[in-house]
Amino acid sequence: ATMDWMEQEQERGITISSAATTCFWETEKKEYVLNIIDTPGHVDFTAEVERSLRVLDGTVMVLCAVAGVQPQTETVWKQAKHYNVPCIAFVNKMDRVGADFEKVIISIEDQLSANPVAIQIPIGTEDQFAGMIDLISMQELRFKDEGYGEEYEIIQVSDKLKSSAQDWRRQMLEHLSLFDDDLLEKIVEEQQVEQEEIVKVLRKATLSGKITPVSCGSAFKNKGVQQLLDAVVNYLPSPLDIPSVQGDH
C-alpha cells in the first residue's frame, strides 16, 4: 500500500505507524477534500490508533467479510466510542472464500453492541461477487472485471433479487424511522420515501452515533470503493460539523 512506507510494514504486509494523506473526491454536486489517516489494525499498535482517534472527525471501520469482528475491532470500537467519533463500516473481501455479509452484520450487533444498518447488499459472494444493490436508490451496481472496478453499470434491480432487496430496504427504513418522526409517519402510511430524505436521516443518526451504516465491496479489486467515498461525504462529519478541540491546562 502507498501509505505503508516503512520497510518493516512492506515486509510484513501490515500497518505499524499511522500515516496521513490527502485525496480529492468529486461528486455530481461538488468536489471534496478528504484527509485520510490510515491506522494500524494489529493489537500491538493500539497506541497509534488512540492518537489518531483524538483528532479524527469520522472513522471507516474496515471488516473482513470472512472473519467479521475480530478482537482488535472491539478495542478500536471502544476507543472510537470513548471519543464520540461517528463511524461507518465497510465489509471488505466479499470475493474471498467464506465471505458472509449477513454474518458480519450480526457480529457487529452482537460483539460491539452497535446498531448496524445495511445501506448496500452484495450481489453474489466469493468468486461470484459481481457488485452490490444500493438500498437507498434501489439500483444494481455491477462492476466490470477489467479496469479494477473503475467502470460499473447502474441497472434496475432484477426480479430475481428484488424480493431480498426489498426486505433489506424495509429493515433499513424501520431502523431509521426510530430517529425521525416524519419518516415514521410516511412508512406507517405506506407513502413513498425519497432518496434525499433517507440520506438526511442516515446522516443525522450517524453523526449522533446512534447507527452505523454498512456498505460492502472488494478493496483489492476497487469494487465498492467509489460508493464508500460517497458514504464518507454523505454520512460522516465535515470539520464544520465538529466543535473545536478543547485543550487541558
C-alpha atoms as a PDB file:
ATOM      1  CA  ALA A   1       0.000   0.000   0.000  1.00  0.00           C
ATOM      2  CA  THR A   2       1.153   3.552  -0.714  1.00  0.00           C
ATOM      3  CA  MET A   3       0.799   4.691   2.903  1.00  0.00           C
ATOM      4  CA  ASP A   4       2.709   1.733   4.370  1.00  0.00           C
ATOM      5  CA  TRP A   5       6.054   3.344   3.574  1.00  0.00           C
ATOM      6  CA  MET A   6       8.234   1.707   6.252  1.00  0.00           C
ATOM      7  CA  GLU A   7      10.395  -1.206   5.155  1.00  0.00           C
ATOM      8  CA  GLN A   8       9.090  -3.343   8.055  1.00  0.00           C
ATOM      9  CA  GLU A   9       5.481  -2.617   7.020  1.00  0.00           C
ATOM     10  CA  GLN A  10       6.095  -3.669   3.428  1.00  0.00           C
ATOM     11  CA  GLU A  11       7.921  -6.838   4.515  1.00  0.00           C
ATOM     12  CA  ARG A  12       5.175  -7.927   6.927  1.00  0.00           C
ATOM     13  CA  GLY A  13       2.203  -6.615   4.963  1.00  0.00           C
ATOM     14  CA  ILE A  14       0.758  -4.762   7.972  1.00  0.00           C
ATOM     15  CA  THR A  15       0.463  -1.151   9.099  1.00  0.00           C
ATOM     16  CA  ILE A  16       2.703  -0.253  12.047  1.00  0.00           C
ATOM     17  CA  SER A  17       2.502   3.542  12.262  1.00  0.00           C
ATOM     18  CA  SER A  18      -0.349   5.893  11.389  1.00  0.00           C
ATOM     19  CA  ALA A  19       0.072   7.809   8.148  1.00  0.00           C
ATOM     20  CA  ALA A  20      -1.851  10.762   6.749  1.00  0.00           C
ATOM     21  CA  THR A  21      -2.601  11.744   3.180  1.00  0.00           C
ATOM     22  CA  THR A  22      -4.982  13.989   1.261  1.00  0.00           C
ATOM     23  CA  CYS A  23      -7.157  12.994  -1.672  1.00  0.00           C
ATOM     24  CA  PHE A  24      -9.927  14.586  -3.686  1.00  0.00           C
ATOM     25  CA  TRP A  25     -13.330  13.126  -4.461  1.00  0.00           C
ATOM     26  CA  GLU A  26     -15.729  14.680  -6.949  1.00  0.00           C
ATOM     27  CA  THR A  27     -19.469  14.034  -6.891  1.00  0.00           C
ATOM     28  CA  GLU A  28     -22.154  15.348  -9.210  1.00  0.00           C
ATOM     29  CA  LYS A  29     -22.608  18.408  -6.995  1.00  0.00           C
ATOM     30  CA  LYS A  30     -19.111  19.434  -5.868  1.00  0.00           C
ATOM     31  CA  GLU A  31     -15.518  18.400  -5.195  1.00  0.00           C
ATOM     32  CA  TYR A  32     -14.474  17.371  -1.693  1.00  0.00           C
ATOM     33  CA  VAL A  33     -11.088  17.290   0.006  1.00  0.00           C
ATOM     34  CA  LEU A  34     -10.632  14.177   2.182  1.00  0.00           C
ATOM     35  CA  ASN A  35      -7.854  13.993   4.757  1.00  0.00           C
ATOM     36  CA  ILE A  36      -7.253  10.307   5.466  1.00  0.00           C
ATOM     37  CA  ILE A  37      -5.381   8.804   8.418  1.00  0.00           C
ATOM     38  CA  ASP A  38      -4.564   5.119   7.959  1.00  0.00           C
ATOM     39  CA  THR A  39      -4.176   3.450  11.369  1.00  0.00           C
ATOM     40  CA  PRO A  40      -2.715   0.022  12.259  1.00  0.00           C
ATOM     41  CA  GLY A  41      -5.066  -2.914  12.648  1.00  0.00           C
ATOM     42  CA  HIS A  42      -2.784  -5.106  14.767  1.00  0.00           C
ATOM     43  CA  VAL A  43      -3.403  -5.219  18.514  1.00  0.00           C
ATOM     44  CA  ASP A  44       0.273  -4.448  19.293  1.00  0.00           C
ATOM     45  CA  PHE A  45      -0.065  -0.934  17.877  1.00  0.00           C
ATOM     46  CA  THR A  46      -3.217   0.208  19.672  1.00  0.00           C
ATOM     47  CA  ALA A  47      -1.498   3.402  20.900  1.00  0.00           C
ATOM     48  CA  GLU A  48      -1.210   4.604  17.292  1.00  0.00           C
ATOM     49  CA  VAL A  49      -4.974   4.227  16.856  1.00  0.00           C
ATOM     50  CA  GLU A  50      -5.621   6.086  20.120  1.00  0.00           C
ATOM     51  CA  ARG A  51      -3.518   9.053  18.990  1.00  0.00           C
ATOM     52  CA  SER A  52      -5.387   9.263  15.678  1.00  0.00           C
ATOM     53  CA  LEU A  53      -8.883   8.994  17.162  1.00  0.00           C
ATOM     54  CA  ARG A  54      -8.288  12.124  19.230  1.00  0.00           C
ATOM     55  CA  VAL A  55      -8.152  14.223  16.044  1.00  0.00           C
ATOM     56  CA  LEU A  56     -10.415  12.308  13.647  1.00  0.00           C
ATOM     57  CA  ASP A  57     -13.801  13.714  12.610  1.00  0.00           C
ATOM     58  CA  GLY A  58     -15.165  10.330  11.498  1.00  0.00           C
ATOM     59  CA  THR A  59     -13.994   6.746  11.022  1.00  0.00           C
ATOM     60  CA  VAL A  60     -14.390   3.973   8.473  1.00  0.00           C
ATOM     61  CA  MET A  61     -14.235   0.583  10.187  1.00  0.00           C
ATOM     62  CA  VAL A  62     -12.975  -1.974   7.642  1.00  0.00           C
ATOM     63  CA  LEU A  63     -14.117  -5.524   8.407  1.00  0.00           C
ATOM     64  CA  CYS A  64     -13.196  -8.798   6.737  1.00  0.00           C
ATOM     65  CA  ALA A  65     -16.222 -10.479   5.141  1.00  0.00           C
ATOM     66  CA  VAL A  66     -14.892 -13.849   6.334  1.00  0.00           C
ATOM     67  CA  ALA A  67     -13.646 -13.101   9.877  1.00  0.00           C
ATOM     68  CA  GLY A  68     -16.106 -10.324  10.765  1.00  0.00           C
ATOM     69  CA  VAL A  69     -15.496  -8.586  14.102  1.00  0.00           C
ATOM     70  CA  GLN A  70     -12.073  -9.525  15.500  1.00  0.00           C
ATOM     71  CA  PRO A  71     -10.559  -8.778  18.952  1.00  0.00           C
ATOM     72  CA  GLN A  72      -8.779  -5.658  17.686  1.00  0.00           C
ATOM     73  CA  THR A  73     -12.048  -4.435  16.160  1.00  0.00           C
ATOM     74  CA  GLU A  74     -13.609  -4.441  19.618  1.00  0.00           C
ATOM     75  CA  THR A  75     -10.685  -2.453  21.045  1.00  0.00           C
ATOM     76  CA  VAL A  76     -10.826   0.216  18.340  1.00  0.00           C
ATOM     77  CA  TRP A  77     -14.625   0.398  18.590  1.00  0.00           C
ATOM     78  CA  LYS A  78     -14.389   1.151  22.321  1.00  0.00           C
ATOM     79  CA  GLN A  79     -11.779   3.822  21.621  1.00  0.00           C
ATOM     80  CA  ALA A  80     -13.975   5.446  18.961  1.00  0.00           C
ATOM     81  CA  LYS A  81     -16.981   5.419  21.293  1.00  0.00           C
ATOM     82  CA  HIS A  82     -14.847   6.983  24.065  1.00  0.00           C
ATOM     83  CA  TYR A  83     -14.055   9.953  21.803  1.00  0.00           C
ATOM     84  CA  ASN A  84     -17.591  10.045  20.306  1.00  0.00           C
ATOM     85  CA  VAL A  85     -16.298   9.579  16.761  1.00  0.00           C
ATOM     86  CA  PRO A  86     -19.067   8.748  14.221  1.00  0.00           C
ATOM     87  CA  CYS A  87     -18.438   5.557  12.272  1.00  0.00           C
ATOM     88  CA  ILE A  88     -19.413   3.805   9.060  1.00  0.00           C
ATOM     89  CA  ALA A  89     -18.466   0.190   8.325  1.00  0.00           C
ATOM     90  CA  PHE A  90     -17.106  -1.335   5.123  1.00  0.00           C
ATOM     91  CA  VAL A  91     -17.311  -5.131   4.753  1.00  0.00           C
ATOM     92  CA  ASN A  92     -14.253  -5.874   2.642  1.00  0.00           C
ATOM     93  CA  LYS A  93     -13.103  -9.009   0.763  1.00  0.00           C
ATOM     94  CA  MET A  94     -16.576 -10.019  -0.414  1.00  0.00           C
ATOM     95  CA  ASP A  95     -14.829 -12.024  -3.148  1.00  0.00           C
ATOM     96  CA  ARG A  96     -12.977 -14.292  -0.707  1.00  0.00           C
ATOM     97  CA  VAL A  97     -13.957 -17.895   0.017  1.00  0.00           C
ATOM     98  CA  GLY A  98     -16.249 -17.964   3.052  1.00  0.00           C
ATOM     99  CA  ALA A  99     -17.459 -14.359   2.728  1.00  0.00           C
ATOM    100  CA  ASP A 100     -20.785 -13.827   4.518  1.00  0.00           C
ATOM    101  CA  PHE A 101     -22.207 -10.285   4.626  1.00  0.00           C
ATOM    102  CA  GLU A 102     -25.158 -11.106   6.871  1.00  0.00           C
ATOM    103  CA  LYS A 103     -22.923 -12.879   9.396  1.00  0.00           C
ATOM    104  CA  VAL A 104     -20.726  -9.771   9.651  1.00  0.00           C
ATOM    105  CA  ILE A 105     -23.807  -7.593  10.288  1.00  0.00           C
ATOM    106  CA  ILE A 106     -24.823  -9.928  13.121  1.00  0.00           C
ATOM    107  CA  SER A 107     -21.293  -9.888  14.592  1.00  0.00           C
ATOM    108  CA  ILE A 108     -21.286  -6.062  14.633  1.00  0.00           C
ATOM    109  CA  GLU A 109     -24.575  -6.111  16.518  1.00  0.00           C
ATOM    110  CA  ASP A 110     -23.662  -8.885  18.965  1.00  0.00           C
ATOM    111  CA  GLN A 111     -19.986  -8.249  19.688  1.00  0.00           C
ATOM    112  CA  LEU A 112     -19.893  -4.433  19.514  1.00  0.00           C
ATOM    113  CA  SER A 113     -23.422  -3.790  20.833  1.00  0.00           C
ATOM    114  CA  ALA A 114     -23.754  -1.436  17.860  1.00  0.00           C
ATOM    115  CA  ASN A 115     -26.721  -0.641  15.649  1.00  0.00           C
ATOM    116  CA  PRO A 116     -25.581  -1.621  12.112  1.00  0.00           C
ATOM    117  CA  VAL A 117     -27.796  -0.578   9.199  1.00  0.00           C
ATOM    118  CA  ALA A 118     -27.013  -2.040   5.770  1.00  0.00           C
ATOM    119  CA  ILE A 119     -27.194   0.578   3.011  1.00  0.00           C
ATOM    120  CA  GLN A 120     -25.969  -1.929   0.408  1.00  0.00           C
ATOM    121  CA  ILE A 121     -26.151  -5.687  -0.014  1.00  0.00           C
ATOM    122  CA  PRO A 122     -23.782  -7.782  -2.155  1.00  0.00           C
ATOM    123  CA  ILE A 123     -24.733  -9.393  -5.442  1.00  0.00           C
ATOM    124  CA  GLY A 124     -23.207 -12.843  -5.072  1.00  0.00           C
ATOM    125  CA  THR A 125     -20.256 -13.792  -2.865  1.00  0.00           C
ATOM    126  CA  GLU A 126     -16.807 -15.368  -3.210  1.00  0.00           C
ATOM    127  CA  ASP A 127     -15.875 -15.814  -6.899  1.00  0.00           C
ATOM    128  CA  GLN A 128     -19.467 -14.923  -7.863  1.00  0.00           C
ATOM    129  CA  PHE A 129     -19.281 -11.444  -6.305  1.00  0.00           C
ATOM    130  CA  ALA A 130     -20.390  -9.086  -9.090  1.00  0.00           C
ATOM    131  CA  GLY A 131     -21.377  -5.871  -7.297  1.00  0.00           C
ATOM    132  CA  MET A 132     -23.987  -4.645  -4.894  1.00  0.00           C
ATOM    133  CA  ILE A 133     -27.537  -3.348  -4.618  1.00  0.00           C
ATOM    134  CA  ASP A 134     -27.865   0.208  -3.330  1.00  0.00           C
ATOM    135  CA  LEU A 135     -30.798   0.046  -0.913  1.00  0.00           C
ATOM    136  CA  ILE A 136     -31.312   3.817  -0.991  1.00  0.00           C
ATOM    137  CA  SER A 137     -31.742   4.159  -4.760  1.00  0.00           C
ATOM    138  CA  MET A 138     -32.801   0.508  -5.235  1.00  0.00           C
ATOM    139  CA  GLN A 139     -30.416   0.008  -8.153  1.00  0.00           C
ATOM    140  CA  GLU A 140     -27.854  -2.641  -9.005  1.00  0.00           C
ATOM    141  CA  LEU A 141     -24.214  -1.597  -9.327  1.00  0.00           C
ATOM    142  CA  ARG A 142     -22.449  -4.218 -11.432  1.00  0.00           C
ATOM    143  CA  PHE A 143     -18.683  -3.883 -11.762  1.00  0.00           C
ATOM    144  CA  LYS A 144     -16.657  -4.888 -14.793  1.00  0.00           C
ATOM    145  CA  ASP A 145     -13.765  -7.275 -14.098  1.00  0.00           C
ATOM    146  CA  GLU A 146     -11.353  -5.354 -16.265  1.00  0.00           C
ATOM    147  CA  GLY A 147     -10.048  -1.984 -15.117  1.00  0.00           C
ATOM    148  CA  TYR A 148     -10.063  -2.793 -11.397  1.00  0.00           C
ATOM    149  CA  GLY A 149     -13.587  -1.659 -10.729  1.00  0.00           C
ATOM    150  CA  GLU A 150     -13.211   1.801 -12.214  1.00  0.00           C
ATOM    151  CA  GLU A 151     -16.170   1.162 -14.510  1.00  0.00           C
ATOM    152  CA  TYR A 152     -19.538  -0.163 -13.445  1.00  0.00           C
ATOM    153  CA  GLU A 153     -23.055  -0.074 -14.777  1.00  0.00           C
ATOM    154  CA  ILE A 154     -26.163   1.009 -12.908  1.00  0.00           C
ATOM    155  CA  ILE A 155     -29.278  -1.006 -13.719  1.00  0.00           C
ATOM    156  CA  GLN A 156     -32.659  -1.655 -12.168  1.00  0.00           C
ATOM    157  CA  VAL A 157     -32.854  -4.445  -9.603  1.00  0.00           C
ATOM    158  CA  SER A 158     -33.595  -7.747 -11.349  1.00  0.00           C
ATOM    159  CA  ASP A 159     -36.727  -9.736 -10.492  1.00  0.00           C
ATOM    160  CA  LYS A 160     -34.529 -12.489  -9.057  1.00  0.00           C
ATOM    161  CA  LEU A 161     -33.019 -10.147  -6.437  1.00  0.00           C
ATOM    162  CA  LYS A 162     -35.937  -7.770  -5.898  1.00  0.00           C
ATOM    163  CA  SER A 163     -37.610  -9.636  -3.024  1.00  0.00           C
ATOM    164  CA  SER A 164     -34.421  -9.862  -0.963  1.00  0.00           C
ATOM    165  CA  ALA A 165     -33.529  -6.225  -1.700  1.00  0.00           C
ATOM    166  CA  GLN A 166     -36.979  -5.047  -0.616  1.00  0.00           C
ATOM    167  CA  ASP A 167     -36.655  -6.969   2.668  1.00  0.00           C
ATOM    168  CA  TRP A 168     -33.283  -5.348   3.404  1.00  0.00           C
ATOM    169  CA  ARG A 169     -34.598  -1.906   2.436  1.00  0.00           C
ATOM    170  CA  ARG A 170     -37.593  -2.361   4.727  1.00  0.00           C
ATOM    171  CA  GLN A 171     -35.250  -3.210   7.609  1.00  0.00           C
ATOM    172  CA  MET A 172     -33.171  -0.107   6.841  1.00  0.00           C
ATOM    173  CA  LEU A 173     -36.217   2.181   6.839  1.00  0.00           C
ATOM    174  CA  GLU A 174     -37.567   0.629  10.049  1.00  0.00           C
ATOM    175  CA  HIS A 175     -34.251   1.338  11.781  1.00  0.00           C
ATOM    176  CA  LEU A 176     -34.162   4.916  10.516  1.00  0.00           C
ATOM    177  CA  SER A 177     -37.801   5.607  11.414  1.00  0.00           C
ATOM    178  CA  LEU A 178     -36.814   5.378  15.096  1.00  0.00           C
ATOM    179  CA  PHE A 179     -34.863   8.614  14.679  1.00  0.00           C
ATOM    180  CA  ASP A 180     -37.239  10.689  12.568  1.00  0.00           C
ATOM    181  CA  ASP A 181     -40.982  11.191  13.115  1.00  0.00           C
ATOM    182  CA  ASP A 182     -41.667  12.354   9.535  1.00  0.00           C
ATOM    183  CA  LEU A 183     -40.073   9.214   8.127  1.00  0.00           C
ATOM    184  CA  LEU A 184     -42.002   7.054  10.594  1.00  0.00           C
ATOM    185  CA  GLU A 185     -45.270   8.674   9.505  1.00  0.00           C
ATOM    186  CA  LYS A 186     -44.527   8.024   5.828  1.00  0.00           C
ATOM    187  CA  ILE A 187     -43.712   4.371   6.496  1.00  0.00           C
ATOM    188  CA  VAL A 188     -46.862   3.836   8.572  1.00  0.00           C
ATOM    189  CA  GLU A 189     -48.983   5.450   5.851  1.00  0.00           C
ATOM    190  CA  GLU A 190     -47.066   3.480   3.175  1.00  0.00           C
ATOM    191  CA  GLN A 191     -46.018   6.645   1.340  1.00  0.00           C
ATOM    192  CA  GLN A 192     -43.025   6.771  -0.974  1.00  0.00           C
ATOM    193  CA  VAL A 193     -39.803   7.826   0.757  1.00  0.00           C
ATOM    194  CA  GLU A 194     -37.427   9.981  -1.337  1.00  0.00           C
ATOM    195  CA  GLN A 195     -33.700   9.260  -1.517  1.00  0.00           C
ATOM    196  CA  GLU A 196     -32.820  12.718  -0.183  1.00  0.00           C
ATOM    197  CA  GLU A 197     -34.888  12.103   2.931  1.00  0.00           C
ATOM    198  CA  ILE A 198     -33.196   8.739   3.610  1.00  0.00           C
ATOM    199  CA  VAL A 199     -29.737  10.310   3.230  1.00  0.00           C
ATOM    200  CA  LYS A 200     -30.701  13.175   5.546  1.00  0.00           C
ATOM    201  CA  VAL A 201     -31.942  10.845   8.317  1.00  0.00           C
ATOM    202  CA  LEU A 202     -28.975   8.487   7.838  1.00  0.00           C
ATOM    203  CA  ARG A 203     -26.568  11.393   8.254  1.00  0.00           C
ATOM    204  CA  LYS A 204     -28.312  12.710  11.366  1.00  0.00           C
ATOM    205  CA  ALA A 205     -28.388   9.274  13.036  1.00  0.00           C
ATOM    206  CA  THR A 206     -24.762   8.527  12.094  1.00  0.00           C
ATOM    207  CA  LEU A 207     -23.429  11.836  13.389  1.00  0.00           C
ATOM    208  CA  SER A 208     -25.203  11.265  16.681  1.00  0.00           C
ATOM    209  CA  GLY A 209     -23.609   7.797  16.960  1.00  0.00           C
ATOM    210  CA  LYS A 210     -26.980   6.038  17.043  1.00  0.00           C
ATOM    211  CA  ILE A 211     -26.398   3.900  13.932  1.00  0.00           C
ATOM    212  CA  THR A 212     -23.514   2.557  11.875  1.00  0.00           C
ATOM    213  CA  PRO A 213     -24.196   2.455   8.095  1.00  0.00           C
ATOM    214  CA  VAL A 214     -22.714  -0.669   6.494  1.00  0.00           C
ATOM    215  CA  SER A 215     -21.532  -0.966   2.886  1.00  0.00           C
ATOM    216  CA  CYS A 216     -19.543  -3.714   1.177  1.00  0.00           C
ATOM    217  CA  GLY A 217     -17.099  -4.445  -1.603  1.00  0.00           C
ATOM    218  CA  SER A 218     -13.627  -5.666  -2.501  1.00  0.00           C
ATOM    219  CA  ALA A 219     -10.927  -3.039  -1.971  1.00  0.00           C
ATOM    220  CA  PHE A 220      -8.248  -5.061  -3.772  1.00  0.00           C
ATOM    221  CA  LYS A 221     -10.314  -5.021  -6.961  1.00  0.00           C
ATOM    222  CA  ASN A 222     -11.602  -1.497  -6.263  1.00  0.00           C
ATOM    223  CA  LYS A 223     -15.208  -2.673  -6.187  1.00  0.00           C
ATOM    224  CA  GLY A 224     -17.374  -0.523  -3.943  1.00  0.00           C
ATOM    225  CA  VAL A 225     -14.640   1.990  -3.101  1.00  0.00           C
ATOM    226  CA  GLN A 226     -16.338   4.800  -5.037  1.00  0.00           C
ATOM    227  CA  GLN A 227     -19.572   4.172  -3.165  1.00  0.00           C
ATOM    228  CA  LEU A 228     -17.649   4.119   0.143  1.00  0.00           C
ATOM    229  CA  LEU A 229     -16.227   7.568  -0.630  1.00  0.00           C
ATOM    230  CA  ASP A 230     -19.754   8.790  -1.374  1.00  0.00           C
ATOM    231  CA  ALA A 231     -20.812   7.422   2.024  1.00  0.00           C
ATOM    232  CA  VAL A 232     -17.927   9.268   3.721  1.00  0.00           C
ATOM    233  CA  VAL A 233     -19.112  12.512   2.143  1.00  0.00           C
ATOM    234  CA  ASN A 234     -22.797  11.872   2.859  1.00  0.00           C
ATOM    235  CA  TYR A 235     -22.721  10.447   6.381  1.00  0.00           C
ATOM    236  CA  LEU A 236     -19.506  11.411   8.166  1.00  0.00           C
ATOM    237  CA  PRO A 237     -18.974  14.912   9.563  1.00  0.00           C
ATOM    238  CA  SER A 238     -17.054  17.675   7.854  1.00  0.00           C
ATOM    239  CA  PRO A 239     -14.784  19.889  10.025  1.00  0.00           C
ATOM    240  CA  LEU A 240     -17.673  22.382  10.098  1.00  0.00           C
ATOM    241  CA  ASP A 241     -19.831  19.841  11.950  1.00  0.00           C
ATOM    242  CA  ILE A 242     -17.271  19.307  14.705  1.00  0.00           C
ATOM    243  CA  PRO A 243     -16.632  21.767  17.554  1.00  0.00           C
ATOM    244  CA  SER A 244     -13.088  22.936  18.221  1.00  0.00           C
ATOM    245  CA  VAL A 245     -10.936  20.655  20.354  1.00  0.00           C
ATOM    246  CA  GLN A 246     -10.594  21.925  23.918  1.00  0.00           C
ATOM    247  CA  GLY A 247      -7.115  21.647  25.372  1.00  0.00           C
ATOM    248  CA  ASP A 248      -6.320  20.879  29.021  1.00  0.00           C
ATOM    249  CA  HIS A 249      -4.021  23.095  31.111  1.00  0.00           C
END
